[in-house]
PDB file of all heavy atoms in Angstrom:
ATOM      1  N   TYR A   1      49.183  -0.033  15.037  1.00  0.00           N
ATOM      2  CA  TYR A   1      50.391   0.157  15.844  1.00  0.00           C
ATOM      3  C   TYR A   1      50.045   0.658  17.249  1.00  0.00           C
ATOM      4  O   TYR A   1      50.580   0.171  18.249  1.00  0.00           O
ATOM      5  CB  TYR A   1      51.329   1.150  15.146  1.00  0.00           C
ATOM      6  CG  TYR A   1      52.559   1.490  15.958  1.00  0.00           C
ATOM      7  CD1 TYR A   1      53.650   0.618  16.005  1.00  0.00           C
ATOM      8  CD2 TYR A   1      52.615   2.679  16.689  1.00  0.00           C
ATOM      9  CE1 TYR A   1      54.778   0.919  16.756  1.00  0.00           C
ATOM     10  CE2 TYR A   1      53.734   2.991  17.451  1.00  0.00           C
ATOM     11  CZ  TYR A   1      54.816   2.103  17.482  1.00  0.00           C
ATOM     12  OH  TYR A   1      55.913   2.401  18.244  1.00  0.00           O
ATOM     13  N   ILE A   2      49.114   1.623  17.316  1.00  0.00           N
ATOM     14  CA  ILE A   2      48.717   2.169  18.619  1.00  0.00           C
ATOM     15  C   ILE A   2      48.033   1.091  19.465  1.00  0.00           C
ATOM     16  O   ILE A   2      48.311   0.957  20.660  1.00  0.00           O
ATOM     17  CB  ILE A   2      47.784   3.386  18.425  1.00  0.00           C
ATOM     18  CG1 ILE A   2      48.548   4.528  17.749  1.00  0.00           C
ATOM     19  CG2 ILE A   2      47.207   3.847  19.759  1.00  0.00           C
ATOM     20  CD1 ILE A   2      47.674   5.680  17.316  1.00  0.00           C
ATOM     21  N   LEU A   3      47.112   0.336  18.843  1.00  0.00           N
ATOM     22  CA  LEU A   3      46.409  -0.716  19.583  1.00  0.00           C
ATOM     23  C   LEU A   3      47.379  -1.797  20.069  1.00  0.00           C
ATOM     24  O   LEU A   3      47.253  -2.301  21.186  1.00  0.00           O
ATOM     25  CB  LEU A   3      45.330  -1.347  18.692  1.00  0.00           C
ATOM     26  CG  LEU A   3      44.106  -0.482  18.398  1.00  0.00           C
ATOM     27  CD1 LEU A   3      43.209  -1.173  17.386  1.00  0.00           C
ATOM     28  CD2 LEU A   3      43.321  -0.187  19.678  1.00  0.00           C
ATOM     29  N   LYS A   4      48.342  -2.154  19.233  1.00  0.00           N
ATOM     30  CA  LYS A   4      49.321  -3.181  19.607  1.00  0.00           C
ATOM     31  C   LYS A   4      50.234  -2.671  20.715  1.00  0.00           C
ATOM     32  O   LYS A   4      50.586  -3.422  21.636  1.00  0.00           O
ATOM     33  CB  LYS A   4      50.144  -3.582  18.382  1.00  0.00           C
ATOM     34  CG  LYS A   4      51.041  -4.801  18.615  1.00  0.00           C
ATOM     35  CD  LYS A   4      51.704  -5.237  17.333  1.00  0.00           C
ATOM     36  CE  LYS A   4      52.602  -6.452  17.548  1.00  0.00           C
ATOM     37  NZ  LYS A   4      51.842  -7.622  17.987  1.00  0.00           N
ATOM     38  N   LYS A   5      50.601  -1.391  20.629  1.00  0.00           N
ATOM     39  CA  LYS A   5      51.499  -0.808  21.622  1.00  0.00           C
ATOM     40  C   LYS A   5      50.822  -0.709  22.983  1.00  0.00           C
ATOM     41  O   LYS A   5      51.465  -0.868  24.025  1.00  0.00           O
ATOM     42  CB  LYS A   5      51.923   0.594  21.152  1.00  0.00           C
ATOM     43  CG  LYS A   5      53.188   1.125  21.795  1.00  0.00           C
ATOM     44  CD  LYS A   5      54.415   0.446  21.232  1.00  0.00           C
ATOM     45  CE  LYS A   5      55.693   1.088  21.769  1.00  0.00           C
ATOM     46  NZ  LYS A   5      56.900   0.372  21.306  1.00  0.00           N
ATOM     47  N   THR A   6      49.524  -0.458  22.993  1.00  0.00           N
ATOM     48  CA  THR A   6      48.788  -0.292  24.258  1.00  0.00           C
ATOM     49  C   THR A   6      47.991  -1.534  24.644  1.00  0.00           C
ATOM     50  O   THR A   6      47.212  -1.493  25.597  1.00  0.00           O
ATOM     51  CB  THR A   6      47.823   0.908  24.150  1.00  0.00           C
ATOM     52  OG1 THR A   6      46.888   0.670  23.077  1.00  0.00           O
ATOM     53  CG2 THR A   6      48.581   2.193  23.864  1.00  0.00           C
ATOM     54  N   ASN A   7      48.178  -2.635  23.880  1.00  0.00           N
ATOM     55  CA  ASN A   7      47.431  -3.879  24.127  1.00  0.00           C
ATOM     56  C   ASN A   7      45.913  -3.676  24.070  1.00  0.00           C
ATOM     57  O   ASN A   7      45.155  -4.364  24.751  1.00  0.00           O
ATOM     58  CB  ASN A   7      47.810  -4.479  25.479  1.00  0.00           C
ATOM     59  CG  ASN A   7      49.235  -4.987  25.481  1.00  0.00           C
ATOM     60  OD1 ASN A   7      49.698  -5.550  24.494  1.00  0.00           O
ATOM     61  ND2 ASN A   7      49.942  -4.787  26.582  1.00  0.00           N
ATOM     62  N   GLY A   8      45.471  -2.712  23.263  1.00  0.00           N
ATOM     63  CA  GLY A   8      44.041  -2.478  23.071  1.00  0.00           C
ATOM     64  C   GLY A   8      43.340  -1.842  24.253  1.00  0.00           C
ATOM     65  O   GLY A   8      42.106  -1.777  24.284  1.00  0.00           O
ATOM     66  N   LYS A   9      44.097  -1.333  25.236  1.00  0.00           N
ATOM     67  CA  LYS A   9      43.482  -0.802  26.455  1.00  0.00           C
ATOM     68  C   LYS A   9      42.707   0.488  26.203  1.00  0.00           C
ATOM     69  O   LYS A   9      41.760   0.801  26.918  1.00  0.00           O
ATOM     70  CB  LYS A   9      44.556  -0.549  27.513  1.00  0.00           C
ATOM     71  CG  LYS A   9      45.215  -1.824  28.026  1.00  0.00           C
ATOM     72  CD  LYS A   9      46.275  -1.503  29.064  1.00  0.00           C
ATOM     73  CE  LYS A   9      46.926  -2.787  29.583  1.00  0.00           C
ATOM     74  NZ  LYS A   9      47.999  -2.489  30.564  1.00  0.00           N
ATOM     75  N   HIS A  10      43.133   1.249  25.209  1.00  0.00           N
ATOM     76  CA  HIS A  10      42.517   2.556  24.969  1.00  0.00           C
ATOM     77  C   HIS A  10      41.726   2.583  23.665  1.00  0.00           C
ATOM     78  O   HIS A  10      41.637   3.631  23.011  1.00  0.00           O
ATOM     79  CB  HIS A  10      43.595   3.642  24.959  1.00  0.00           C
ATOM     80  CG  HIS A  10      44.469   3.647  26.178  1.00  0.00           C
ATOM     81  ND1 HIS A  10      43.980   3.914  27.435  1.00  0.00           N
ATOM     82  CD2 HIS A  10      45.795   3.380  26.322  1.00  0.00           C
ATOM     83  CE1 HIS A  10      44.971   3.834  28.321  1.00  0.00           C
ATOM     84  NE2 HIS A  10      46.073   3.503  27.672  1.00  0.00           N
ATOM     85  N   ALA A  11      41.158   1.450  23.278  1.00  0.00           N
ATOM     86  CA  ALA A  11      40.399   1.373  22.024  1.00  0.00           C
ATOM     87  C   ALA A  11      39.226   2.351  21.988  1.00  0.00           C
ATOM     88  O   ALA A  11      39.034   3.047  20.980  1.00  0.00           O
ATOM     89  CB  ALA A  11      39.922  -0.054  21.788  1.00  0.00           C
ATOM     90  N   PRO A  12      38.388   2.462  23.048  1.00  0.00           N
ATOM     91  CA  PRO A  12      37.269   3.432  23.003  1.00  0.00           C
ATOM     92  C   PRO A  12      37.749   4.870  22.830  1.00  0.00           C
ATOM     93  O   PRO A  12      37.167   5.636  22.054  1.00  0.00           O
ATOM     94  CB  PRO A  12      36.575   3.238  24.354  1.00  0.00           C
ATOM     95  CG  PRO A  12      36.932   1.844  24.774  1.00  0.00           C
ATOM     96  CD  PRO A  12      38.331   1.642  24.271  1.00  0.00           C
ATOM     97  N   MET A  13      38.825   5.256  23.548  1.00  0.00           N
ATOM     98  CA  MET A  13      39.357   6.615  23.421  1.00  0.00           C
ATOM     99  C   MET A  13      39.920   6.852  22.022  1.00  0.00           C
ATOM    100  O   MET A  13      39.801   7.952  21.477  1.00  0.00           O
ATOM    101  CB  MET A  13      40.448   6.843  24.465  1.00  0.00           C
ATOM    102  CG  MET A  13      39.935   6.916  25.892  1.00  0.00           C
ATOM    103  SD  MET A  13      38.726   8.261  26.116  1.00  0.00           S
ATOM    104  CE  MET A  13      39.726   9.689  25.694  1.00  0.00           C
ATOM    105  N   LEU A  14      40.509   5.817  21.435  1.00  0.00           N
ATOM    106  CA  LEU A  14      41.045   5.943  20.083  1.00  0.00           C
ATOM    107  C   LEU A  14      39.923   6.169  19.075  1.00  0.00           C
ATOM    108  O   LEU A  14      40.068   6.986  18.145  1.00  0.00           O
ATOM    109  CB  LEU A  14      41.829   4.681  19.726  1.00  0.00           C
ATOM    110  CG  LEU A  14      42.504   4.652  18.345  1.00  0.00           C
ATOM    111  CD1 LEU A  14      43.503   5.792  18.219  1.00  0.00           C
ATOM    112  CD2 LEU A  14      43.204   3.322  18.120  1.00  0.00           C
ATOM    113  N   ILE A  15      38.800   5.483  19.240  1.00  0.00           N
ATOM    114  CA  ILE A  15      37.643   5.668  18.355  1.00  0.00           C
ATOM    115  C   ILE A  15      37.127   7.099  18.446  1.00  0.00           C
ATOM    116  O   ILE A  15      36.867   7.755  17.428  1.00  0.00           O
ATOM    117  CB  ILE A  15      36.530   4.667  18.715  1.00  0.00           C
ATOM    118  CG1 ILE A  15      36.982   3.242  18.404  1.00  0.00           C
ATOM    119  CG2 ILE A  15      35.248   4.980  17.939  1.00  0.00           C
ATOM    120  CD1 ILE A  15      36.032   2.171  18.890  1.00  0.00           C
ATOM    121  N   ILE A  16      36.997   7.615  19.684  1.00  0.00           N
ATOM    122  CA  ILE A  16      36.519   8.996  19.886  1.00  0.00           C
ATOM    123  C   ILE A  16      37.511   9.991  19.290  1.00  0.00           C
ATOM    124  O   ILE A  16      37.114  10.958  18.621  1.00  0.00           O
ATOM    125  CB  ILE A  16      36.309   9.273  21.390  1.00  0.00           C
ATOM    126  CG1 ILE A  16      35.188   8.374  21.928  1.00  0.00           C
ATOM    127  CG2 ILE A  16      35.975  10.742  21.627  1.00  0.00           C
ATOM    128  CD1 ILE A  16      35.026   8.433  23.433  1.00  0.00           C
ATOM    129  N   ALA A  17      38.809   9.753  19.507  1.00  0.00           N
ATOM    130  CA  ALA A  17      39.834  10.650  18.969  1.00  0.00           C
ATOM    131  C   ALA A  17      39.791  10.691  17.448  1.00  0.00           C
ATOM    132  O   ALA A  17      39.912  11.761  16.827  1.00  0.00           O
ATOM    133  CB  ALA A  17      41.208  10.204  19.453  1.00  0.00           C
ATOM    134  N   MET A  18      39.599   9.519  16.818  1.00  0.00           N
ATOM    135  CA  MET A  18      39.517   9.472  15.354  1.00  0.00           C
ATOM    136  C   MET A  18      38.300  10.231  14.836  1.00  0.00           C
ATOM    137  O   MET A  18      38.377  10.923  13.817  1.00  0.00           O
ATOM    138  CB  MET A  18      39.469   8.021  14.891  1.00  0.00           C
ATOM    139  CG  MET A  18      40.771   7.269  15.061  1.00  0.00           C
ATOM    140  SD  MET A  18      40.659   5.557  14.498  1.00  0.00           S
ATOM    141  CE  MET A  18      40.344   5.795  12.755  1.00  0.00           C
ATOM    142  N   MET A  19      37.170  10.116  15.553  1.00  0.00           N
ATOM    143  CA  MET A  19      35.970  10.862  15.154  1.00  0.00           C
ATOM    144  C   MET A  19      36.219  12.368  15.202  1.00  0.00           C
ATOM    145  O   MET A  19      35.848  13.107  14.279  1.00  0.00           O
ATOM    146  CB  MET A  19      34.807  10.483  16.066  1.00  0.00           C
ATOM    147  CG  MET A  19      34.315   9.056  15.890  1.00  0.00           C
ATOM    148  SD  MET A  19      33.077   8.575  17.117  1.00  0.00           S
ATOM    149  CE  MET A  19      31.761   9.725  16.718  1.00  0.00           C
ATOM    150  N   VAL A  20      36.871  12.817  16.272  1.00  0.00           N
ATOM    151  CA  VAL A  20      37.163  14.258  16.418  1.00  0.00           C
ATOM    152  C   VAL A  20      38.123  14.720  15.331  1.00  0.00           C
ATOM    153  O   VAL A  20      37.920  15.779  14.708  1.00  0.00           O
ATOM    154  CB  VAL A  20      37.756  14.536  17.822  1.00  0.00           C
ATOM    155  CG1 VAL A  20      38.217  15.987  17.923  1.00  0.00           C
ATOM    156  CG2 VAL A  20      36.724  14.240  18.899  1.00  0.00           C
ATOM    157  N   ILE A  21      39.173  13.943  15.108  1.00  0.00           N
ATOM    158  CA  ILE A  21      40.167  14.303  14.085  1.00  0.00           C
ATOM    159  C   ILE A  21      39.532  14.378  12.709  1.00  0.00           C
ATOM    160  O   ILE A  21      39.794  15.316  11.936  1.00  0.00           O
ATOM    161  CB  ILE A  21      41.329  13.287  14.091  1.00  0.00           C
ATOM    162  CG1 ILE A  21      42.136  13.407  15.387  1.00  0.00           C
ATOM    163  CG2 ILE A  21      42.232  13.497  12.881  1.00  0.00           C
ATOM    164  CD1 ILE A  21      43.159  12.317  15.581  1.00  0.00           C
ATOM    165  N   VAL A  22      38.669  13.424  12.367  1.00  0.00           N
ATOM    166  CA  VAL A  22      38.009  13.421  11.057  1.00  0.00           C
ATOM    167  C   VAL A  22      37.110  14.653  10.896  1.00  0.00           C
ATOM    168  O   VAL A  22      37.094  15.293   9.837  1.00  0.00           O
ATOM    169  CB  VAL A  22      37.193  12.125  10.877  1.00  0.00           C
ATOM    170  CG1 VAL A  22      36.270  12.236   9.663  1.00  0.00           C
ATOM    171  CG2 VAL A  22      38.123  10.937  10.700  1.00  0.00           C
ATOM    172  N   VAL A  23      36.359  14.995  11.953  1.00  0.00           N
ATOM    173  CA  VAL A  23      35.479  16.168  11.890  1.00  0.00           C
ATOM    174  C   VAL A  23      36.311  17.436  11.672  1.00  0.00           C
ATOM    175  O   VAL A  23      35.978  18.291  10.833  1.00  0.00           O
ATOM    176  CB  VAL A  23      34.636  16.279  13.174  1.00  0.00           C
ATOM    177  CG1 VAL A  23      33.917  17.631  13.224  1.00  0.00           C
ATOM    178  CG2 VAL A  23      33.623  15.151  13.243  1.00  0.00           C
ATOM    179  N   VAL A  24      37.406  17.574  12.401  1.00  0.00           N
ATOM    180  CA  VAL A  24      38.251  18.768  12.290  1.00  0.00           C
ATOM    181  C   VAL A  24      38.891  18.853  10.905  1.00  0.00           C
ATOM    182  O   VAL A  24      38.864  19.914  10.260  1.00  0.00           O
ATOM    183  CB  VAL A  24      39.338  18.757  13.392  1.00  0.00           C
ATOM    184  CG1 VAL A  24      40.347  19.898  13.158  1.00  0.00           C
ATOM    185  CG2 VAL A  24      38.713  18.895  14.767  1.00  0.00           C
ATOM    186  N   LEU A  25      39.455  17.754  10.436  1.00  0.00           N
ATOM    187  CA  LEU A  25      40.105  17.758   9.113  1.00  0.00           C
ATOM    188  C   LEU A  25      39.114  17.976   7.990  1.00  0.00           C
ATOM    189  O   LEU A  25      39.429  18.623   6.984  1.00  0.00           O
ATOM    190  CB  LEU A  25      40.858  16.438   8.903  1.00  0.00           C
ATOM    191  CG  LEU A  25      42.061  16.183   9.818  1.00  0.00           C
ATOM    192  CD1 LEU A  25      42.714  14.847   9.495  1.00  0.00           C
ATOM    193  CD2 LEU A  25      43.092  17.313   9.704  1.00  0.00           C
ATOM    194  N   THR A  26      37.901  17.458   8.169  1.00  0.00           N
ATOM    195  CA  THR A  26      36.858  17.683   7.155  1.00  0.00           C
ATOM    196  C   THR A  26      36.429  19.145   7.142  1.00  0.00           C
ATOM    197  O   THR A  26      36.203  19.752   6.082  1.00  0.00           O
ATOM    198  CB  THR A  26      35.651  16.784   7.424  1.00  0.00           C
ATOM    199  OG1 THR A  26      36.079  15.410   7.420  1.00  0.00           O
ATOM    200  CG2 THR A  26      34.577  16.958   6.342  1.00  0.00           C
ATOM    201  N   TYR A  27      36.332  19.749   8.328  1.00  0.00           N
ATOM    202  CA  TYR A  27      35.941  21.165   8.432  1.00  0.00           C
ATOM    203  C   TYR A  27      36.956  22.064   7.717  1.00  0.00           C
ATOM    204  O   TYR A  27      36.587  23.018   7.023  1.00  0.00           O
ATOM    205  CB  TYR A  27      35.833  21.575   9.897  1.00  0.00           C
ATOM    206  CG  TYR A  27      35.489  23.027  10.108  1.00  0.00           C
ATOM    207  CD1 TYR A  27      34.168  23.460   9.973  1.00  0.00           C
ATOM    208  CD2 TYR A  27      36.479  23.954  10.420  1.00  0.00           C
ATOM    209  CE1 TYR A  27      33.845  24.813  10.151  1.00  0.00           C
ATOM    210  CE2 TYR A  27      36.178  25.291  10.595  1.00  0.00           C
ATOM    211  CZ  TYR A  27      34.851  25.717  10.460  1.00  0.00           C
ATOM    212  OH  TYR A  27      34.524  27.051  10.631  1.00  0.00           O
ATOM    213  N   PHE A  28      38.239  21.746   7.862  1.00  0.00           N
ATOM    214  CA  PHE A  28      39.274  22.539   7.208  1.00  0.00           C
ATOM    215  C   PHE A  28      39.584  22.046   5.790  1.00  0.00           C
ATOM    216  O   PHE A  28      40.574  22.448   5.185  1.00  0.00           O
ATOM    217  CB  PHE A  28      40.555  22.524   8.061  1.00  0.00           C
ATOM    218  CG  PHE A  28      40.468  23.349   9.313  1.00  0.00           C
ATOM    219  CD1 PHE A  28      40.278  22.722  10.546  1.00  0.00           C
ATOM    220  CD2 PHE A  28      40.511  24.728   9.264  1.00  0.00           C
ATOM    221  CE1 PHE A  28      40.186  23.470  11.703  1.00  0.00           C
ATOM    222  CE2 PHE A  28      40.419  25.491  10.431  1.00  0.00           C
ATOM    223  CZ  PHE A  28      40.246  24.862  11.648  1.00  0.00           C
ATOM    224  N   LYS A  29      38.728  21.164   5.274  1.00  0.00           N
ATOM    225  CA  LYS A  29      38.815  20.654   3.903  1.00  0.00           C
ATOM    226  C   LYS A  29      40.159  19.982   3.608  1.00  0.00           C
ATOM    227  O   LYS A  29      40.717  20.111   2.513  1.00  0.00           O
ATOM    228  CB  LYS A  29      38.567  21.783   2.897  1.00  0.00           C
ATOM    229  CG  LYS A  29      37.173  22.375   3.024  1.00  0.00           C
ATOM    230  CD  LYS A  29      36.922  23.453   1.998  1.00  0.00           C
ATOM    231  CE  LYS A  29      35.488  23.986   2.112  1.00  0.00           C
ATOM    232  NZ  LYS A  29      35.213  25.054   1.126  1.00  0.00           N
TER     233      LYS A  29
END
């Protein structure tokens, strides 16, 4: 949905954001 809404313009930032979110959520179990 995000990629379609932004026409894929922010794909690299989305990848980095997902990595950060996964690390944080994993840290807090």
